[in-house]
Amino acid sequence: MTIFLQILLVLVTSFIFLLLLWRVLANAGVPFPKTMLEPTLTGSASPSLKECAEIFGYSMLFRISILIASMLIFGLFFAQGKTFDFAGWLNHWMQWDANNYVRIADGYTSFTESGRFTTLVFFPLYSFFLNLVNYIIPSPVISGLLVSAVASSIAVVYFYKLVCIDYSRSTAHTASVLLCIFPFGFFYSSIMSESVFLCTSVITLYYIRKHDWWLAGIFGCLSALSRSIGVFLVFPAAVELLEETRLLGNIKNKQVWLDILKKGGWILLFPVGTLIHLYINYQITGDPLYFLAMEKEIWFQTSQPFYKIASTLWGVFQSGYDIPFLFATFVPAIFILIGIYALMIWGINKHKTMYLCWILVSVLVNCSMSWPISLPRYLTTIVPIYIILADESEKHPKLKSALLVGFGVLFGIFLVGYLSGKSIL
């Protein structure tokens, strides 16, 4: 069965990859059939500053409402005595990797396990902002919650602006709401790097789409400094640059090559974020790849071919794990993966190549983990899936209602599970 699932995954992925490659080549100037050219999309006017401020405000209110809801959850299920334990409530946000991001705010060398610098596994940008805010607010937990609220709200603003480039205002509104209420979207409020990575990656995609390459380079670098996968934004950037310049149809044109060098040079900033993290590892341990050893020793995490995710997930259900553990982590991962593949196939001729490229690259990278226990959280930040869902929802109101209700209910369920210490990590 596992061999069959692996072969099926390879075939489906190859099909999507070949269609995208065909489209990239066609849009870059190779004389392929016009049916594979990028669709013509009709956007709307760029949002005004007032509109962006309103969206930021609504997003902040949503983040505050999540914190209030978490207080209610704590008061109903965990609180004891006659006074509200504020410190105890804050402590319930210190789940799983949150502890490590707080530790990093004091420096990578401030915490060790048996002499090992285990926090080097985590990229530094989120903790850097946490540390800055902590100078003003002397509570790392409150500082972390504030950083996440602000970063995720900025992300929603730029995501709305991004969607408006090619779609209607209504689609942009729906996509932004779906991004916020996705079942694992509460991680954007947690003391983890999801909010900052979401923010930097969405801004990077926005400037790639706007062809503001120097800004794309800067935020691409920051994205790579937020999470290891951030560096892979070079792929949608390269795709958009090829399609913009139509290089393959103008390969003898010196001006096109100069244009490529001028704009594409900024894309080389993306890996700088990764190099900074490698340098931090080298400075502390003398080994730039030290974090990989820690991933293997502490988190039992290594790399594997992406198609082995099928056998990994199948094997988990044959291994006798408790039902709560499976429903907290691996059942959602399977449904999200199937959904994303369905969206890629459905949207292959309807949406921009750079978006589909980012979905595929993100899936392949995240599925290359040998122990995908955090897969649902990682897949949550693939923002083009919300664009595809919103675009279809605008055509089918019943689908829109179902998504809003379904996402909202599951969001609440998984939030309760996370605050309860379930294996939602």
Protein backbone atom coordinates (compact mmCIF):
# COMPACT_ATOMS: atom_id res chain seq x y z
CA MET A 1 0.00 0.00 0.00
CA THR A 2 2.80 2.42 0.87
CA ILE A 3 4.47 1.85 -2.53
CA PHE A 4 1.18 2.56 -4.27
CA LEU A 5 0.70 5.79 -2.31
CA GLN A 6 4.26 6.93 -3.06
CA ILE A 7 3.86 6.23 -6.78
CA LEU A 8 0.52 8.04 -6.83
CA LEU A 9 2.04 11.06 -5.10
CA VAL A 10 4.97 11.13 -7.53
CA LEU A 11 2.63 10.90 -10.54
CA VAL A 12 0.31 13.68 -9.34
CA THR A 13 3.21 15.92 -8.36
CA SER A 14 4.98 15.30 -11.68
CA PHE A 15 1.78 16.11 -13.57
CA ILE A 16 1.45 19.44 -11.77
CA PHE A 17 5.16 20.22 -12.16
CA LEU A 18 5.15 19.53 -15.92
CA LEU A 19 2.08 21.68 -16.48
CA LEU A 20 3.65 24.53 -14.53
CA LEU A 21 6.95 24.12 -16.39
CA TRP A 22 5.09 24.21 -19.70
CA ARG A 23 3.32 27.39 -18.66
CA VAL A 24 6.52 29.07 -17.44
CA LEU A 25 8.26 28.28 -20.73
CA ALA A 26 5.25 29.51 -22.73
CA ASN A 27 5.00 32.75 -20.76
CA ALA A 28 8.77 33.23 -21.03
CA GLY A 29 8.57 33.20 -24.82
CA VAL A 30 8.74 29.57 -25.98
CA PRO A 31 6.12 29.11 -28.77
CA PHE A 32 3.87 26.63 -26.98
CA PRO A 33 0.08 26.42 -27.45
CA LYS A 34 -1.69 29.52 -26.11
CA THR A 35 -3.89 27.39 -23.90
CA MET A 36 -0.98 27.15 -21.47
CA LEU A 37 -0.41 30.88 -21.23
CA GLU A 38 -1.13 32.62 -17.96
CA PRO A 39 -4.80 33.61 -17.62
CA THR A 40 -5.81 37.25 -17.96
CA LEU A 41 -6.96 38.41 -14.53
CA THR A 42 -8.90 41.56 -13.78
CA GLY A 43 -7.87 43.24 -10.57
CA SER A 44 -9.23 46.20 -8.70
CA ALA A 45 -7.86 49.58 -7.69
CA SER A 46 -5.04 49.61 -5.16
CA PRO A 47 -6.42 49.94 -1.62
CA SER A 48 -6.19 53.39 -0.09
CA LEU A 49 -4.24 54.12 3.07
CA LYS A 50 -7.54 54.50 4.95
CA GLU A 51 -8.74 51.09 3.73
CA CYS A 52 -5.44 49.46 4.74
CA ALA A 53 -5.67 51.07 8.18
CA GLU A 54 -9.19 49.68 8.60
CA ILE A 55 -8.05 46.19 7.62
CA PHE A 56 -5.15 46.41 10.05
CA GLY A 57 -7.55 47.49 12.79
CA TYR A 58 -10.00 44.67 12.09
CA SER A 59 -7.15 42.15 12.11
CA MET A 60 -5.86 43.47 15.44
CA LEU A 61 -9.38 43.22 16.87
CA PHE A 62 -9.54 39.63 15.69
CA ARG A 63 -6.21 38.86 17.39
CA ILE A 64 -7.43 40.53 20.59
CA SER A 65 -10.65 38.49 20.42
CA ILE A 66 -8.55 35.32 20.24
CA LEU A 67 -6.75 36.35 23.43
CA ILE A 68 -10.07 37.09 25.12
CA ALA A 69 -11.41 33.72 23.98
CA SER A 70 -8.31 32.06 25.41
CA MET A 71 -9.04 33.76 28.74
CA LEU A 72 -12.54 32.28 28.68
CA ILE A 73 -11.14 28.86 27.83
CA PHE A 74 -8.63 29.12 30.67
CA GLY A 75 -11.28 30.34 33.11
CA LEU A 76 -13.74 27.58 32.22
CA PHE A 77 -11.39 24.60 32.01
CA PHE A 78 -8.15 25.31 33.86
CA ALA A 79 -8.54 28.09 36.44
CA GLN A 80 -8.79 27.30 40.15
CA GLY A 81 -9.61 29.40 43.18
CA LYS A 82 -11.52 32.65 43.45
CA THR A 83 -9.19 34.99 41.57
CA PHE A 84 -8.18 34.89 37.91
CA ASP A 85 -4.62 33.62 37.53
CA PHE A 86 -3.26 36.00 34.88
CA ALA A 87 0.20 34.42 34.98
CA GLY A 88 -1.35 30.99 34.60
CA TRP A 89 -3.30 32.16 31.54
CA LEU A 90 -0.15 33.55 29.95
CA ASN A 91 1.63 30.31 30.67
CA HIS A 92 -0.93 28.44 28.57
CA TRP A 93 0.43 30.30 25.53
CA MET A 94 3.88 28.91 26.31
CA GLN A 95 3.23 25.67 24.47
CA TRP A 96 5.84 23.60 22.65
CA ASP A 97 8.34 25.69 20.64
CA ALA A 98 7.17 28.94 22.22
CA ASN A 99 9.61 28.29 25.07
CA ASN A 100 12.52 28.16 22.65
CA TYR A 101 11.64 31.43 20.92
CA VAL A 102 11.52 33.16 24.31
CA ARG A 103 14.90 31.64 25.19
CA ILE A 104 16.43 32.87 21.92
CA ALA A 105 15.37 36.42 22.79
CA ASP A 106 18.03 36.25 25.53
CA GLY A 107 20.59 34.94 23.06
CA TYR A 108 21.29 31.54 21.56
CA THR A 109 23.90 30.83 24.23
CA SER A 110 21.54 31.55 27.14
CA PHE A 111 20.11 28.02 27.14
CA THR A 112 21.68 24.62 26.67
CA GLU A 113 20.62 21.01 27.12
CA SER A 114 23.46 18.78 28.28
CA GLY A 115 25.90 21.31 26.83
CA ARG A 116 24.15 21.45 23.46
CA PHE A 117 22.85 24.69 21.94
CA THR A 118 19.49 23.22 20.94
CA THR A 119 17.81 26.56 20.19
CA LEU A 120 20.05 27.03 17.14
CA VAL A 121 17.47 24.95 15.29
CA PHE A 122 15.17 27.99 15.26
CA PHE A 123 15.71 30.99 13.00
CA PRO A 124 16.20 34.30 14.82
CA LEU A 125 13.98 37.04 13.34
CA TYR A 126 10.86 36.46 15.46
CA SER A 127 12.89 36.36 18.67
CA PHE A 128 14.75 39.49 17.58
CA PHE A 129 11.48 41.44 17.44
CA LEU A 130 10.33 39.84 20.69
CA ASN A 131 13.51 41.06 22.37
CA LEU A 132 13.00 44.60 21.04
CA VAL A 133 9.46 44.80 22.39
CA ASN A 134 10.59 43.23 25.66
CA TYR A 135 12.71 46.34 26.35
CA ILE A 136 9.44 48.29 26.53
CA ILE A 137 7.16 45.59 27.96
CA PRO A 138 9.09 43.59 30.59
CA SER A 139 7.26 40.35 29.91
CA PRO A 140 8.52 38.02 27.17
CA VAL A 141 5.14 36.31 26.86
CA ILE A 142 3.17 39.55 26.43
CA SER A 143 5.90 40.86 24.10
CA GLY A 144 5.65 37.70 22.00
CA LEU A 145 1.86 37.90 21.80
CA LEU A 146 2.10 41.56 20.74
CA VAL A 147 4.73 40.85 18.07
CA SER A 148 2.54 38.08 16.66
CA ALA A 149 -0.60 40.25 16.65
CA VAL A 150 1.10 43.16 14.89
CA ALA A 151 3.06 41.02 12.41
CA SER A 152 0.03 38.95 11.41
CA SER A 153 -2.08 42.10 11.03
CA ILE A 154 0.52 43.68 8.75
CA ALA A 155 0.51 40.41 6.81
CA VAL A 156 -3.27 40.61 6.33
CA VAL A 157 -2.98 44.17 4.98
CA TYR A 158 -0.34 43.19 2.43
CA PHE A 159 -2.21 40.02 1.55
CA TYR A 160 -5.32 42.09 0.85
CA LYS A 161 -3.24 44.43 -1.33
CA LEU A 162 -1.69 41.44 -3.11
CA VAL A 163 -5.06 39.87 -3.95
CA CYS A 164 -6.46 43.20 -5.16
CA ILE A 165 -3.82 43.33 -7.90
CA ASP A 166 -5.49 40.49 -9.83
CA TYR A 167 -8.91 39.99 -8.24
CA SER A 168 -11.95 41.89 -7.04
CA ARG A 169 -12.29 43.63 -3.68
CA SER A 170 -14.80 40.96 -2.65
CA THR A 171 -12.36 38.16 -3.42
CA ALA A 172 -9.63 39.99 -1.48
CA HIS A 173 -11.93 40.35 1.54
CA THR A 174 -12.88 36.66 1.46
CA ALA A 175 -9.28 35.52 1.02
CA SER A 176 -8.16 37.65 3.97
CA VAL A 177 -10.89 36.23 6.21
CA LEU A 178 -10.04 32.66 5.20
CA LEU A 179 -6.39 33.33 5.96
CA CYS A 180 -7.31 34.51 9.46
CA ILE A 181 -9.77 31.75 10.38
CA PHE A 182 -8.03 28.76 8.83
CA PRO A 183 -8.23 25.95 11.43
CA PHE A 184 -4.57 26.38 12.38
CA GLY A 185 -4.56 30.15 11.93
CA PHE A 186 -4.42 30.68 15.70
CA PHE A 187 -0.68 30.03 15.37
CA TYR A 188 -0.42 33.57 13.99
CA SER A 189 -1.38 34.69 17.51
CA SER A 190 0.99 32.32 19.31
CA ILE A 191 4.54 32.88 20.50
CA MET A 192 6.02 31.21 17.45
CA SER A 193 7.55 32.40 14.19
CA GLU A 194 4.47 31.84 12.01
CA SER A 195 3.30 35.45 12.30
CA VAL A 196 6.63 37.00 11.30
CA PHE A 197 7.18 34.46 8.53
CA LEU A 198 3.66 35.08 7.24
CA CYS A 199 4.33 38.81 7.30
CA THR A 200 7.69 38.71 5.52
CA SER A 201 6.65 36.08 2.96
CA VAL A 202 3.42 37.87 2.02
CA ILE A 203 5.25 41.20 1.64
CA THR A 204 7.86 39.43 -0.49
CA LEU A 205 5.16 37.97 -2.74
CA TYR A 206 3.52 41.39 -2.97
CA TYR A 207 6.69 43.10 -4.19
CA ILE A 208 7.48 40.21 -6.54
CA ARG A 209 4.04 40.66 -8.07
CA LYS A 210 4.52 44.45 -8.25
CA HIS A 211 7.96 43.89 -9.82
CA ASP A 212 9.61 46.05 -7.16
CA TRP A 213 12.61 43.80 -7.09
CA TRP A 214 14.80 45.62 -4.57
CA LEU A 215 12.02 45.52 -1.98
CA ALA A 216 11.32 41.88 -2.85
CA GLY A 217 15.00 41.16 -2.22
CA ILE A 218 15.02 42.84 1.20
CA PHE A 219 11.87 41.12 2.45
CA GLY A 220 12.91 37.83 0.86
CA CYS A 221 16.07 38.02 2.95
CA LEU A 222 13.97 38.70 6.08
CA SER A 223 11.68 35.81 5.21
CA ALA A 224 14.67 33.47 4.97
CA LEU A 225 15.76 34.79 8.37
CA SER A 226 12.32 33.91 9.78
CA ARG A 227 12.03 30.29 8.69
CA SER A 228 14.24 27.92 6.73
CA ILE A 229 11.68 27.66 3.94
CA GLY A 230 11.82 31.42 3.33
CA VAL A 231 14.80 31.11 1.01
CA PHE A 232 12.68 29.05 -1.39
CA LEU A 233 10.76 32.20 -2.32
CA VAL A 234 13.47 32.53 -4.95
CA PHE A 235 11.43 30.13 -7.09
CA PRO A 236 8.24 32.20 -7.49
CA ALA A 237 10.49 35.26 -7.84
CA ALA A 238 12.47 33.65 -10.67
CA VAL A 239 9.27 32.47 -12.37
CA GLU A 240 7.73 35.95 -12.28
CA LEU A 241 10.96 37.53 -13.55
CA LEU A 242 11.17 35.09 -16.47
CA GLU A 243 7.56 35.74 -17.40
CA GLU A 244 7.92 39.51 -17.04
CA THR A 245 10.98 39.75 -19.28
CA ARG A 246 9.98 36.91 -21.68
CA LEU A 247 13.65 36.00 -21.71
CA LEU A 248 13.31 32.78 -23.71
CA GLY A 249 11.59 34.66 -26.55
CA ASN A 250 14.23 37.40 -26.54
CA ILE A 251 17.33 35.38 -25.77
CA LYS A 252 19.49 37.36 -28.24
CA ASN A 253 18.32 40.72 -26.93
CA LYS A 254 21.11 42.27 -24.84
CA GLN A 255 18.71 44.72 -23.20
CA VAL A 256 16.61 41.85 -21.86
CA TRP A 257 19.72 40.25 -20.37
CA LEU A 258 20.70 43.55 -18.77
CA ASP A 259 17.16 43.80 -17.40
CA ILE A 260 17.47 40.29 -15.97
CA LEU A 261 20.77 41.12 -14.28
CA LYS A 262 19.46 44.42 -12.91
CA LYS A 263 16.28 42.96 -11.45
CA GLY A 264 17.41 39.42 -10.77
CA GLY A 265 20.40 40.61 -8.79
CA TRP A 266 18.06 41.59 -5.97
CA ILE A 267 16.79 38.01 -5.80
CA LEU A 268 20.28 37.02 -4.68
CA LEU A 269 19.50 38.74 -1.38
CA PHE A 270 17.06 35.95 -0.49
CA PRO A 271 19.76 33.44 0.56
CA VAL A 272 21.49 36.09 2.70
CA GLY A 273 18.94 35.42 5.46
CA THR A 274 19.89 31.75 5.44
CA LEU A 275 23.60 32.62 5.41
CA ILE A 276 23.13 34.80 8.49
CA HIS A 277 21.65 31.86 10.37
CA LEU A 278 24.51 29.63 9.22
CA TYR A 279 26.98 32.27 10.41
CA ILE A 280 25.31 32.41 13.84
CA ASN A 281 25.72 28.63 14.08
CA TYR A 282 29.38 28.95 13.07
CA GLN A 283 30.10 31.73 15.54
CA ILE A 284 28.68 29.77 18.48
CA THR A 285 29.75 26.22 17.66
CA GLY A 286 32.30 26.40 14.86
CA ASP A 287 29.91 24.43 12.63
CA PRO A 288 27.56 26.32 10.29
CA LEU A 289 25.35 23.22 9.99
CA TYR A 290 25.17 22.54 13.71
CA PHE A 291 21.39 23.10 13.73
CA LEU A 292 20.91 20.09 11.44
CA ALA A 293 22.60 17.84 13.99
CA MET A 294 20.31 19.22 16.71
CA GLU A 295 17.24 18.60 14.56
CA LYS A 296 18.27 14.97 14.22
CA GLU A 297 19.32 14.41 17.85
CA ILE A 298 16.58 16.31 19.70
CA TRP A 299 13.63 16.41 17.29
CA PHE A 300 14.43 13.19 15.36
CA GLN A 301 14.11 15.24 12.18
CA THR A 302 16.00 14.48 8.97
CA SER A 303 15.36 15.06 5.29
CA GLN A 304 13.80 12.52 2.96
CA PRO A 305 12.42 12.46 -0.60
CA PHE A 306 9.06 14.25 -0.59
CA TYR A 307 7.11 11.20 -1.76
CA LYS A 308 8.01 9.29 1.40
CA ILE A 309 5.55 11.49 3.28
CA ALA A 310 2.91 9.05 2.00
CA SER A 311 4.53 6.06 3.71
CA THR A 312 5.31 8.15 6.81
CA LEU A 313 1.68 9.18 7.28
CA TRP A 314 0.44 5.67 6.47
CA GLY A 315 2.90 4.19 8.94
CA VAL A 316 1.77 6.51 11.72
CA PHE A 317 -1.71 5.00 11.58
CA GLN A 318 -0.25 1.51 11.75
CA SER A 319 1.95 2.25 14.76
CA GLY A 320 -0.63 2.23 17.54
CA TYR A 321 -0.51 5.92 18.48
CA ASP A 322 -3.30 7.25 20.68
CA ILE A 323 -6.35 8.65 18.88
CA PRO A 324 -6.00 12.17 20.43
CA PHE A 325 -2.44 12.38 19.11
CA LEU A 326 -3.50 11.32 15.61
CA PHE A 327 -6.43 13.74 15.50
CA ALA A 328 -4.30 16.61 16.78
CA THR A 329 -1.58 16.26 14.17
CA PHE A 330 -1.70 13.68 11.42
CA VAL A 331 -5.40 13.54 10.50
CA PRO A 332 -5.43 17.31 9.80
CA ALA A 333 -2.15 16.99 7.88
CA ILE A 334 -3.66 14.41 5.52
CA PHE A 335 -6.80 16.44 4.85
CA ILE A 336 -4.84 19.67 4.31
CA LEU A 337 -2.40 17.96 1.93
CA ILE A 338 -5.18 16.39 -0.13
CA GLY A 339 -6.97 19.74 -0.21
CA ILE A 340 -3.86 21.61 -1.38
CA TYR A 341 -3.19 19.13 -4.17
CA ALA A 342 -6.83 19.42 -5.27
CA LEU A 343 -6.53 23.22 -5.30
CA MET A 344 -3.35 23.10 -7.39
CA ILE A 345 -4.97 20.87 -10.00
CA TRP A 346 -8.18 22.90 -10.02
CA GLY A 347 -6.39 26.23 -10.31
CA ILE A 348 -3.65 25.21 -12.74
CA ASN A 349 -5.12 27.27 -15.62
CA LYS A 350 -6.90 29.91 -13.54
CA HIS A 351 -4.26 31.59 -11.41
CA LYS A 352 -0.82 33.13 -11.70
CA THR A 353 2.14 30.82 -12.17
CA MET A 354 4.11 32.38 -9.30
CA TYR A 355 1.32 31.49 -6.86
CA LEU A 356 1.04 27.89 -8.03
CA CYS A 357 4.83 27.62 -7.99
CA TRP A 358 4.97 28.78 -4.37
CA ILE A 359 2.29 26.26 -3.37
CA LEU A 360 4.14 23.39 -5.03
CA VAL A 361 7.55 24.37 -3.66
CA SER A 362 6.16 24.81 -0.16
CA VAL A 363 4.48 21.41 -0.24
CA LEU A 364 7.60 19.65 -1.53
CA VAL A 365 9.88 21.26 1.06
CA ASN A 366 7.53 20.65 4.00
CA CYS A 367 6.86 17.07 2.91
CA SER A 368 10.60 16.36 2.90
CA MET A 369 10.64 16.14 6.70
CA SER A 370 11.07 12.64 8.09
CA TRP A 371 8.80 13.38 11.08
CA PRO A 372 6.07 15.79 9.90
CA ILE A 373 4.53 16.41 13.30
CA SER A 374 4.15 20.16 12.64
CA LEU A 375 2.99 19.79 9.04
CA PRO A 376 -0.46 21.41 9.51
CA ARG A 377 1.15 24.51 11.07
CA TYR A 378 3.72 24.80 8.29
CA LEU A 379 1.18 24.36 5.49
CA THR A 380 -1.03 27.08 6.99
CA THR A 381 1.33 29.81 5.74
CA ILE A 382 0.96 28.89 2.03
CA VAL A 383 -1.16 31.95 1.29
CA PRO A 384 -2.04 31.31 -2.40
CA ILE A 385 -4.38 28.52 -1.30
CA TYR A 386 -6.65 31.16 0.24
CA ILE A 387 -6.68 33.06 -3.06
CA ILE A 388 -7.87 29.98 -4.94
CA LEU A 389 -10.49 29.20 -2.28
CA ALA A 390 -11.74 32.80 -2.24
CA ASP A 391 -11.94 32.99 -6.04
CA GLU A 392 -14.08 29.85 -6.16
CA SER A 393 -16.14 31.00 -3.17
CA GLU A 394 -17.16 34.18 -4.98
CA LYS A 395 -18.62 32.04 -7.76
CA HIS A 396 -20.33 29.62 -5.39
CA PRO A 397 -21.93 31.32 -2.35
CA LYS A 398 -22.76 28.01 -0.68
CA LEU A 399 -19.10 27.02 -0.80
CA LYS A 400 -18.21 30.35 0.79
CA SER A 401 -20.67 29.80 3.63
CA ALA A 402 -19.44 26.27 4.18
CA LEU A 403 -15.81 27.38 4.31
CA LEU A 404 -16.49 30.25 6.71
CA VAL A 405 -18.53 28.09 9.09
CA GLY A 406 -16.30 25.02 8.80
CA PHE A 407 -13.06 26.94 9.24
CA GLY A 408 -14.49 28.91 12.15
CA VAL A 409 -15.66 25.83 14.03
CA LEU A 410 -12.40 23.94 13.47
CA PHE A 411 -10.41 27.04 14.45
CA GLY A 412 -12.16 27.07 17.83
CA ILE A 413 -11.70 23.33 18.36
CA PHE A 414 -7.98 23.36 17.60
CA LEU A 415 -7.43 26.52 19.65
CA VAL A 416 -8.92 24.77 22.70
CA GLY A 417 -6.76 21.74 21.98
CA TYR A 418 -3.61 23.84 21.67
CA LEU A 419 -4.21 25.70 24.92
CA SER A 420 -4.95 22.34 26.56
CA GLY A 421 -1.49 21.08 25.71
CA LYS A 422 -2.60 18.61 23.05
CA SER A 423 -0.03 17.62 20.42
CA ILE A 424 -0.98 20.50 18.13
CA LEU A 425 2.48 21.78 17.38
